Amino acid sequence: MKLVVLGSGTSVPHAARCSAAFWIETQEGSILLDIGADAPHRMAQESLDWPNLDAIWISHFHLDHLGGLAPFLFGMRWAPQTRERRKPLKIIGPRGLAALIGTFSDADDYKLLEQNFPVQICEVNAGDIFKIVPGLEATALSTPHSSESMALRLTDGRGKSLVYSSDTGFSEDLIHFASGVTLLLLECSFKRDKPLATHLELTESMRIIKDAQPEAALLMHLYPEWEVGTVAAAAASLWNGKVLEATDGLQLEI
């Protein structure tokens, strides 16, 4: 698996961090983990094969995680790059996803689902196990952020695995869910004194990492109080394992 960070930030505008979006590429297909408002153009900036994207995972319904979905579907409907596309695009997420996309589409009769190719909307529950693309098994976990928010664990045929927490408060269940994972993409919204219970600050993120013992962790969903280039050093003071800072444009092989 290859990971490209398209957006390491939050809903707050930042000169160096776009809102949440992560591109995963495998031999079997490509997946977008969340699609913040900046994601459609960020895929183009990184020269990714967005016209042939196979699946989009929506972790929850906050706009910094799905604000780019309607514009992306609108763009695909008119883009010359997708005129010959016939393979389906899967959009997978919590219950209520289909109704939300319908609301976006009906707002100005955008016909977002009327594409040259099928658009399959798949709603899943926490605990479901499913194939997100062929050869890549996915499992969902409910997280303490919003009523519908879920983390996602991906495992390929070689046994390599990735957990994407998306937004979450502290969770013992998440520790077990991410145990021994190859790469843990974990939110670390705040340095300390977090204003919201439904996000993580550094000590909580590091407790999850220390208990889950991933081979490597990537801290993301970073509010502007985190200066770019400072996160890994702060994490290193709390754990001697491999912890990286998510930055827009970062590419990793998993």
C-alpha atoms as a PDB file:
ATOM      1  CA  MET A   1       0.000   0.000   0.000  1.00  0.00           C
ATOM      2  CA  LYS A   2       1.058   3.542  -0.751  1.00  0.00           C
ATOM      3  CA  LEU A   3      -0.212   6.497   1.288  1.00  0.00           C
ATOM      4  CA  VAL A   4      -0.335  10.100   0.074  1.00  0.00           C
ATOM      5  CA  VAL A   5      -1.368  12.764   2.588  1.00  0.00           C
ATOM      6  CA  LEU A   6      -3.623  15.244   0.814  1.00  0.00           C
ATOM      7  CA  GLY A   7      -4.811  17.064   3.907  1.00  0.00           C
ATOM      8  CA  SER A   8      -3.265  16.885   7.381  1.00  0.00           C
ATOM      9  CA  GLY A   9      -5.286  19.700   8.928  1.00  0.00           C
ATOM     10  CA  THR A  10      -8.770  20.545  10.114  1.00  0.00           C
ATOM     11  CA  SER A  11     -11.691  22.810   9.295  1.00  0.00           C
ATOM     12  CA  VAL A  12      -9.624  25.862  10.283  1.00  0.00           C
ATOM     13  CA  PRO A  13      -7.958  27.473   7.230  1.00  0.00           C
ATOM     14  CA  HIS A  14      -4.187  26.999   7.254  1.00  0.00           C
ATOM     15  CA  ALA A  15      -1.539  28.013   4.738  1.00  0.00           C
ATOM     16  CA  ALA A  16       0.205  24.627   4.807  1.00  0.00           C
ATOM     17  CA  ARG A  17      -2.483  22.147   5.860  1.00  0.00           C
ATOM     18  CA  CYS A  18      -5.625  21.271   3.915  1.00  0.00           C
ATOM     19  CA  SER A  19      -8.610  19.557   5.510  1.00  0.00           C
ATOM     20  CA  ALA A  20      -8.716  15.786   5.907  1.00  0.00           C
ATOM     21  CA  ALA A  21      -8.006  13.514   2.936  1.00  0.00           C
ATOM     22  CA  PHE A  22      -5.674  10.536   2.490  1.00  0.00           C
ATOM     23  CA  TRP A  23      -5.034   8.636  -0.752  1.00  0.00           C
ATOM     24  CA  ILE A  24      -4.356   4.895  -0.478  1.00  0.00           C
ATOM     25  CA  GLU A  25      -3.094   3.038  -3.530  1.00  0.00           C
ATOM     26  CA  THR A  26      -2.823  -0.742  -3.799  1.00  0.00           C
ATOM     27  CA  GLN A  27      -2.250  -3.175  -6.640  1.00  0.00           C
ATOM     28  CA  GLU A  28      -5.991  -3.807  -6.650  1.00  0.00           C
ATOM     29  CA  GLY A  29      -7.245  -0.238  -6.574  1.00  0.00           C
ATOM     30  CA  SER A  30      -7.230   3.231  -5.046  1.00  0.00           C
ATOM     31  CA  ILE A  31      -9.126   4.564  -2.030  1.00  0.00           C
ATOM     32  CA  LEU A  32      -9.667   8.022  -0.621  1.00  0.00           C
ATOM     33  CA  LEU A  33     -10.020   8.186   3.162  1.00  0.00           C
ATOM     34  CA  ASP A  34     -12.294  11.186   3.704  1.00  0.00           C
ATOM     35  CA  ILE A  35     -12.663  13.990   1.194  1.00  0.00           C
ATOM     36  CA  GLY A  36     -12.324  17.439   2.704  1.00  0.00           C
ATOM     37  CA  ALA A  37     -13.158  20.482   0.610  1.00  0.00           C
ATOM     38  CA  ASP A  38      -9.609  20.800  -0.731  1.00  0.00           C
ATOM     39  CA  ALA A  39      -9.237  17.151  -1.752  1.00  0.00           C
ATOM     40  CA  PRO A  40     -10.420  17.268  -5.388  1.00  0.00           C
ATOM     41  CA  HIS A  41      -7.752  19.806  -6.364  1.00  0.00           C
ATOM     42  CA  ARG A  42      -5.141  18.251  -4.080  1.00  0.00           C
ATOM     43  CA  MET A  43      -5.472  14.945  -5.976  1.00  0.00           C
ATOM     44  CA  ALA A  44      -4.697  16.807  -9.185  1.00  0.00           C
ATOM     45  CA  GLN A  45      -1.791  18.678  -7.583  1.00  0.00           C
ATOM     46  CA  GLU A  46      -0.223  15.367  -6.543  1.00  0.00           C
ATOM     47  CA  SER A  47      -0.707  13.938 -10.063  1.00  0.00           C
ATOM     48  CA  LEU A  48      -2.886  11.119  -8.708  1.00  0.00           C
ATOM     49  CA  ASP A  49      -5.173   9.122 -10.986  1.00  0.00           C
ATOM     50  CA  TRP A  50      -8.362  10.699  -9.635  1.00  0.00           C
ATOM     51  CA  PRO A  51     -10.458   9.903 -12.765  1.00  0.00           C
ATOM     52  CA  ASN A  52     -10.069   6.212 -11.936  1.00  0.00           C
ATOM     53  CA  LEU A  53     -10.474   6.382  -8.150  1.00  0.00           C
ATOM     54  CA  ASP A  54     -12.142   3.165  -6.992  1.00  0.00           C
ATOM     55  CA  ALA A  55     -13.593   3.986  -3.570  1.00  0.00           C
ATOM     56  CA  ILE A  56     -14.161   6.823  -1.105  1.00  0.00           C
ATOM     57  CA  TRP A  57     -14.480   6.200   2.643  1.00  0.00           C
ATOM     58  CA  ILE A  58     -16.499   8.761   4.597  1.00  0.00           C
ATOM     59  CA  SER A  59     -15.727   8.464   8.305  1.00  0.00           C
ATOM     60  CA  HIS A  60     -18.428  10.892   9.485  1.00  0.00           C
ATOM     61  CA  PHE A  61     -20.508  13.800   8.307  1.00  0.00           C
ATOM     62  CA  HIS A  62     -18.515  16.843   9.433  1.00  0.00           C
ATOM     63  CA  LEU A  63     -17.757  19.133   6.522  1.00  0.00           C
ATOM     64  CA  ASP A  64     -13.963  19.034   6.859  1.00  0.00           C
ATOM     65  CA  HIS A  65     -14.239  15.295   6.105  1.00  0.00           C
ATOM     66  CA  LEU A  66     -16.815  15.257   3.291  1.00  0.00           C
ATOM     67  CA  GLY A  67     -17.029  18.837   2.061  1.00  0.00           C
ATOM     68  CA  GLY A  68     -15.283  17.900  -1.172  1.00  0.00           C
ATOM     69  CA  LEU A  69     -17.598  15.010  -2.064  1.00  0.00           C
ATOM     70  CA  ALA A  70     -20.317  16.931  -3.895  1.00  0.00           C
ATOM     71  CA  PRO A  71     -17.812  19.127  -5.811  1.00  0.00           C
ATOM     72  CA  PHE A  72     -15.813  16.019  -6.759  1.00  0.00           C
ATOM     73  CA  LEU A  73     -18.871  14.207  -8.113  1.00  0.00           C
ATOM     74  CA  PHE A  74     -19.954  17.401  -9.898  1.00  0.00           C
ATOM     75  CA  GLY A  75     -16.487  17.718 -11.450  1.00  0.00           C
ATOM     76  CA  MET A  76     -16.394  14.057 -12.498  1.00  0.00           C
ATOM     77  CA  ARG A  77     -19.748  14.484 -14.234  1.00  0.00           C
ATOM     78  CA  TRP A  78     -18.309  17.101 -16.580  1.00  0.00           C
ATOM     79  CA  ALA A  79     -14.594  16.248 -16.733  1.00  0.00           C
ATOM     80  CA  PRO A  80     -13.245  15.041 -20.097  1.00  0.00           C
ATOM     81  CA  GLN A  81     -10.998  12.628 -18.154  1.00  0.00           C
ATOM     82  CA  THR A  82     -14.024  10.558 -17.067  1.00  0.00           C
ATOM     83  CA  ARG A  83     -15.952  10.363 -20.334  1.00  0.00           C
ATOM     84  CA  GLU A  84     -14.686   6.853 -21.070  1.00  0.00           C
ATOM     85  CA  ARG A  85     -14.855   5.578 -17.514  1.00  0.00           C
ATOM     86  CA  ARG A  86     -17.260   2.672 -16.992  1.00  0.00           C
ATOM     87  CA  LYS A  87     -16.068   0.975 -13.785  1.00  0.00           C
ATOM     88  CA  PRO A  88     -18.070   1.763 -10.631  1.00  0.00           C
ATOM     89  CA  LEU A  89     -17.096   4.263  -7.968  1.00  0.00           C
ATOM     90  CA  LYS A  90     -17.949   3.076  -4.455  1.00  0.00           C
ATOM     91  CA  ILE A  91     -18.736   5.603  -1.723  1.00  0.00           C
ATOM     92  CA  ILE A  92     -18.772   3.901   1.662  1.00  0.00           C
ATOM     93  CA  GLY A  93     -19.702   5.335   5.022  1.00  0.00           C
ATOM     94  CA  PRO A  94     -22.160   5.440   7.921  1.00  0.00           C
ATOM     95  CA  ARG A  95     -25.922   5.074   7.816  1.00  0.00           C
ATOM     96  CA  GLY A  96     -27.433   8.242   6.411  1.00  0.00           C
ATOM     97  CA  LEU A  97     -24.788   8.689   3.717  1.00  0.00           C
ATOM     98  CA  ALA A  98     -27.161   8.076   0.805  1.00  0.00           C
ATOM     99  CA  ALA A  99     -29.677  10.595   2.101  1.00  0.00           C
ATOM    100  CA  LEU A 100     -26.955  13.192   2.612  1.00  0.00           C
ATOM    101  CA  ILE A 101     -25.613  12.783  -0.922  1.00  0.00           C
ATOM    102  CA  GLY A 102     -29.184  13.032  -2.183  1.00  0.00           C
ATOM    103  CA  THR A 103     -29.622  16.313  -0.318  1.00  0.00           C
ATOM    104  CA  PHE A 104     -26.453  17.703  -1.875  1.00  0.00           C
ATOM    105  CA  SER A 105     -27.574  16.589  -5.326  1.00  0.00           C
ATOM    106  CA  ASP A 106     -31.096  17.968  -4.991  1.00  0.00           C
ATOM    107  CA  ALA A 107     -29.916  21.376  -3.754  1.00  0.00           C
ATOM    108  CA  ASP A 108     -29.701  22.625  -7.353  1.00  0.00           C
ATOM    109  CA  ASP A 109     -30.591  19.514  -9.365  1.00  0.00           C
ATOM    110  CA  TYR A 110     -26.894  18.685  -9.719  1.00  0.00           C
ATOM    111  CA  LYS A 111     -27.580  15.038 -10.727  1.00  0.00           C
ATOM    112  CA  LEU A 112     -24.415  13.992  -8.879  1.00  0.00           C
ATOM    113  CA  LEU A 113     -25.165  10.283  -9.270  1.00  0.00           C
ATOM    114  CA  GLU A 114     -25.902  10.514 -13.000  1.00  0.00           C
ATOM    115  CA  GLN A 115     -22.404   9.717 -14.234  1.00  0.00           C
ATOM    116  CA  ASN A 116     -20.978   7.819 -17.209  1.00  0.00           C
ATOM    117  CA  PHE A 117     -20.245   5.057 -14.696  1.00  0.00           C
ATOM    118  CA  PRO A 118     -22.185   3.535 -11.795  1.00  0.00           C
ATOM    119  CA  VAL A 119     -21.910   5.203  -8.384  1.00  0.00           C
ATOM    120  CA  GLN A 120     -22.503   2.684  -5.601  1.00  0.00           C
ATOM    121  CA  ILE A 121     -23.334   4.080  -2.164  1.00  0.00           C
ATOM    122  CA  CYS A 122     -22.645   1.515   0.550  1.00  0.00           C
ATOM    123  CA  GLU A 123     -23.746   2.205   4.117  1.00  0.00           C
ATOM    124  CA  VAL A 124     -22.027   0.166   6.830  1.00  0.00           C
ATOM    125  CA  ASN A 125     -22.370  -0.312  10.569  1.00  0.00           C
ATOM    126  CA  ALA A 126     -19.668  -0.456  13.210  1.00  0.00           C
ATOM    127  CA  GLY A 127     -18.372  -4.009  13.357  1.00  0.00           C
ATOM    128  CA  ASP A 128     -19.028  -4.728   9.692  1.00  0.00           C
ATOM    129  CA  ILE A 129     -16.305  -6.508   7.712  1.00  0.00           C
ATOM    130  CA  PHE A 130     -16.299  -5.814   3.991  1.00  0.00           C
ATOM    131  CA  LYS A 131     -14.119  -5.597   0.881  1.00  0.00           C
ATOM    132  CA  ILE A 132     -13.438  -1.958   0.112  1.00  0.00           C
ATOM    133  CA  VAL A 133     -11.630  -2.980  -3.103  1.00  0.00           C
ATOM    134  CA  PRO A 134     -10.752  -6.523  -4.188  1.00  0.00           C
ATOM    135  CA  GLY A 135      -8.012  -7.959  -2.002  1.00  0.00           C
ATOM    136  CA  LEU A 136      -8.356  -5.306   0.702  1.00  0.00           C
ATOM    137  CA  GLU A 137     -10.470  -6.210   3.719  1.00  0.00           C
ATOM    138  CA  ALA A 138     -11.995  -3.431   5.804  1.00  0.00           C
ATOM    139  CA  THR A 139     -13.449  -3.340   9.316  1.00  0.00           C
ATOM    140  CA  ALA A 140     -15.267  -0.408  10.926  1.00  0.00           C
ATOM    141  CA  LEU A 141     -15.270   0.683  14.584  1.00  0.00           C
ATOM    142  CA  SER A 142     -17.529   3.217  16.287  1.00  0.00           C
ATOM    143  CA  THR A 143     -15.577   6.135  17.784  1.00  0.00           C
ATOM    144  CA  PRO A 144     -16.488   8.767  20.409  1.00  0.00           C
ATOM    145  CA  HIS A 145     -16.694  11.816  18.161  1.00  0.00           C
ATOM    146  CA  SER A 146     -20.097  12.099  16.486  1.00  0.00           C
ATOM    147  CA  SER A 147     -23.055   9.728  16.561  1.00  0.00           C
ATOM    148  CA  GLU A 148     -22.008   8.139  13.249  1.00  0.00           C
ATOM    149  CA  SER A 149     -18.194   8.466  13.311  1.00  0.00           C
ATOM    150  CA  MET A 150     -16.131   5.348  12.648  1.00  0.00           C
ATOM    151  CA  ALA A 151     -12.497   4.324  12.443  1.00  0.00           C
ATOM    152  CA  LEU A 152     -11.408   1.992   9.642  1.00  0.00           C
ATOM    153  CA  ARG A 153      -8.915  -0.884   9.571  1.00  0.00           C
ATOM    154  CA  LEU A 154      -7.585  -2.060   6.196  1.00  0.00           C
ATOM    155  CA  THR A 155      -5.661  -5.308   5.681  1.00  0.00           C
ATOM    156  CA  ASP A 156      -4.148  -6.438   2.381  1.00  0.00           C
ATOM    157  CA  GLY A 157      -3.267  -9.902   1.134  1.00  0.00           C
ATOM    158  CA  ARG A 158       0.273  -9.644   2.482  1.00  0.00           C
ATOM    159  CA  GLY A 159      -0.993  -8.965   5.984  1.00  0.00           C
ATOM    160  CA  LYS A 160      -0.006  -5.293   5.925  1.00  0.00           C
ATOM    161  CA  SER A 161      -2.540  -3.193   7.770  1.00  0.00           C
ATOM    162  CA  LEU A 162      -3.558   0.416   8.314  1.00  0.00           C
ATOM    163  CA  VAL A 163      -5.922   1.967  10.833  1.00  0.00           C
ATOM    164  CA  TYR A 164      -7.426   5.389  10.156  1.00  0.00           C
ATOM    165  CA  SER A 165      -8.929   6.833  13.304  1.00  0.00           C
ATOM    166  CA  SER A 166     -10.343   9.956  11.687  1.00  0.00           C
ATOM    167  CA  ASP A 167     -11.697  12.256  14.416  1.00  0.00           C
ATOM    168  CA  THR A 168     -12.057  10.633  17.823  1.00  0.00           C
ATOM    169  CA  GLY A 169     -11.970  11.148  21.527  1.00  0.00           C
ATOM    170  CA  PHE A 170      -9.999   8.766  23.725  1.00  0.00           C
ATOM    171  CA  SER A 171     -11.134   5.150  23.337  1.00  0.00           C
ATOM    172  CA  GLU A 172      -9.925   1.886  24.813  1.00  0.00           C
ATOM    173  CA  ASP A 173     -11.748   0.153  21.964  1.00  0.00           C
ATOM    174  CA  LEU A 174      -9.589   2.035  19.486  1.00  0.00           C
ATOM    175  CA  ILE A 175      -6.460   0.750  21.235  1.00  0.00           C
ATOM    176  CA  HIS A 176      -7.593  -2.850  20.714  1.00  0.00           C
ATOM    177  CA  PHE A 177      -8.744  -2.090  17.162  1.00  0.00           C
ATOM    178  CA  ALA A 178      -5.298  -0.733  16.230  1.00  0.00           C
ATOM    179  CA  SER A 179      -3.252  -3.338  18.104  1.00  0.00           C
ATOM    180  CA  GLY A 180      -0.153  -4.360  16.158  1.00  0.00           C
ATOM    181  CA  VAL A 181      -1.178  -2.488  13.012  1.00  0.00           C
ATOM    182  CA  THR A 182       1.498  -1.695  10.425  1.00  0.00           C
ATOM    183  CA  LEU A 183       0.580   2.008  10.314  1.00  0.00           C
ATOM    184  CA  LEU A 184      -1.760   3.906  12.616  1.00  0.00           C
ATOM    185  CA  LEU A 185      -3.141   7.194  11.252  1.00  0.00           C
ATOM    186  CA  LEU A 186      -4.205   8.845  14.474  1.00  0.00           C
ATOM    187  CA  GLU A 187      -5.648  12.248  15.155  1.00  0.00           C
ATOM    188  CA  CYS A 188      -3.714  14.573  17.469  1.00  0.00           C
ATOM    189  CA  SER A 189      -5.767  17.727  17.307  1.00  0.00           C
ATOM    190  CA  PHE A 190      -4.313  19.639  20.237  1.00  0.00           C
ATOM    191  CA  LYS A 191      -1.082  19.943  22.210  1.00  0.00           C
ATOM    192  CA  ARG A 192      -2.737  20.053  25.646  1.00  0.00           C
ATOM    193  CA  ASP A 193      -5.817  21.345  27.455  1.00  0.00           C
ATOM    194  CA  LYS A 194      -8.109  20.263  24.644  1.00  0.00           C
ATOM    195  CA  PRO A 195     -11.355  22.242  24.461  1.00  0.00           C
ATOM    196  CA  LEU A 196     -13.408  19.247  23.292  1.00  0.00           C
ATOM    197  CA  ALA A 197     -13.711  15.738  24.718  1.00  0.00           C
ATOM    198  CA  THR A 198     -14.401  14.428  21.225  1.00  0.00           C
ATOM    199  CA  HIS A 199     -10.831  15.044  20.011  1.00  0.00           C
ATOM    200  CA  LEU A 200      -7.388  13.975  21.230  1.00  0.00           C
ATOM    201  CA  GLU A 201      -4.495  15.916  22.674  1.00  0.00           C
ATOM    202  CA  LEU A 202      -0.892  14.729  22.515  1.00  0.00           C
ATOM    203  CA  THR A 203      -0.743  12.706  25.753  1.00  0.00           C
ATOM    204  CA  GLU A 204      -3.925  10.823  24.813  1.00  0.00           C
ATOM    205  CA  SER A 205      -2.711  10.112  21.293  1.00  0.00           C
ATOM    206  CA  MET A 206       0.565   8.811  22.654  1.00  0.00           C
ATOM    207  CA  ARG A 207      -1.190   6.603  25.203  1.00  0.00           C
ATOM    208  CA  ILE A 208      -3.166   4.986  22.371  1.00  0.00           C
ATOM    209  CA  ILE A 209       0.033   4.490  20.380  1.00  0.00           C
ATOM    210  CA  LYS A 210       2.016   3.073  23.305  1.00  0.00           C
ATOM    211  CA  ASP A 211      -0.745   0.602  24.162  1.00  0.00           C
ATOM    212  CA  ALA A 212      -1.553  -0.390  20.563  1.00  0.00           C
ATOM    213  CA  GLN A 213       2.123  -0.801  19.598  1.00  0.00           C
ATOM    214  CA  PRO A 214       1.858  -0.138  15.852  1.00  0.00           C
ATOM    215  CA  GLU A 215       4.965  -0.548  13.730  1.00  0.00           C
ATOM    216  CA  ALA A 216       4.641   3.169  12.973  1.00  0.00           C
ATOM    217  CA  ALA A 217       2.191   5.978  13.687  1.00  0.00           C
ATOM    218  CA  LEU A 218       1.319   9.091  11.725  1.00  0.00           C
ATOM    219  CA  LEU A 219      -0.224  11.962  13.686  1.00  0.00           C
ATOM    220  CA  MET A 220      -2.752  13.986  11.709  1.00  0.00           C
ATOM    221  CA  HIS A 221      -5.800  16.279  12.017  1.00  0.00           C
ATOM    222  CA  LEU A 222      -3.527  18.956  13.441  1.00  0.00           C
ATOM    223  CA  TYR A 223      -4.993  22.293  14.479  1.00  0.00           C
ATOM    224  CA  PRO A 224      -3.000  25.482  13.770  1.00  0.00           C
ATOM    225  CA  GLU A 225      -1.567  25.531  17.296  1.00  0.00           C
ATOM    226  CA  TRP A 226       0.766  22.813  15.988  1.00  0.00           C
ATOM    227  CA  GLU A 227       3.547  24.498  14.046  1.00  0.00           C
ATOM    228  CA  VAL A 228       4.574  22.480  11.004  1.00  0.00           C
ATOM    229  CA  GLY A 229       7.601  20.335  11.802  1.00  0.00           C
ATOM    230  CA  THR A 230       7.133  20.218  15.587  1.00  0.00           C
ATOM    231  CA  VAL A 231       4.856  17.227  16.119  1.00  0.00           C
ATOM    232  CA  ALA A 232       7.308  14.328  15.838  1.00  0.00           C
ATOM    233  CA  ALA A 233       9.717  15.860  18.350  1.00  0.00           C
ATOM    234  CA  ALA A 234       6.908  16.390  20.844  1.00  0.00           C
ATOM    235  CA  ALA A 235       5.819  12.778  20.379  1.00  0.00           C
ATOM    236  CA  ALA A 236       9.384  11.483  20.777  1.00  0.00           C
ATOM    237  CA  SER A 237       9.489  12.866  24.301  1.00  0.00           C
ATOM    238  CA  LEU A 238       6.664  10.480  25.224  1.00  0.00           C
ATOM    239  CA  TRP A 239       7.516   7.316  23.240  1.00  0.00           C
ATOM    240  CA  ASN A 240      10.634   5.973  21.575  1.00  0.00           C
ATOM    241  CA  GLY A 241       8.824   4.225  18.716  1.00  0.00           C
ATOM    242  CA  LYS A 242       8.361   5.513  15.182  1.00  0.00           C
ATOM    243  CA  VAL A 243       5.984   8.482  15.136  1.00  0.00           C
ATOM    244  CA  LEU A 244       5.724  10.785  12.130  1.00  0.00           C
ATOM    245  CA  GLU A 245       3.983  14.106  11.544  1.00  0.00           C
ATOM    246  CA  ALA A 246       1.471  14.190   8.735  1.00  0.00           C
ATOM    247  CA  THR A 247       2.240  16.986   6.301  1.00  0.00           C
ATOM    248  CA  ASP A 248       0.449  17.728   3.057  1.00  0.00           C
ATOM    249  CA  GLY A 249       2.205  15.896   0.235  1.00  0.00           C
ATOM    250  CA  LEU A 250       3.892  13.306   2.446  1.00  0.00           C
ATOM    251  CA  GLN A 251       4.128   9.884   0.747  1.00  0.00           C
ATOM    252  CA  LEU A 252       4.734   6.593   2.558  1.00  0.00           C
ATOM    253  CA  GLU A 253       5.047   2.981   1.476  1.00  0.00           C
ATOM    254  CA  ILE A 254       3.241   0.618   3.848  1.00  0.00           C
END
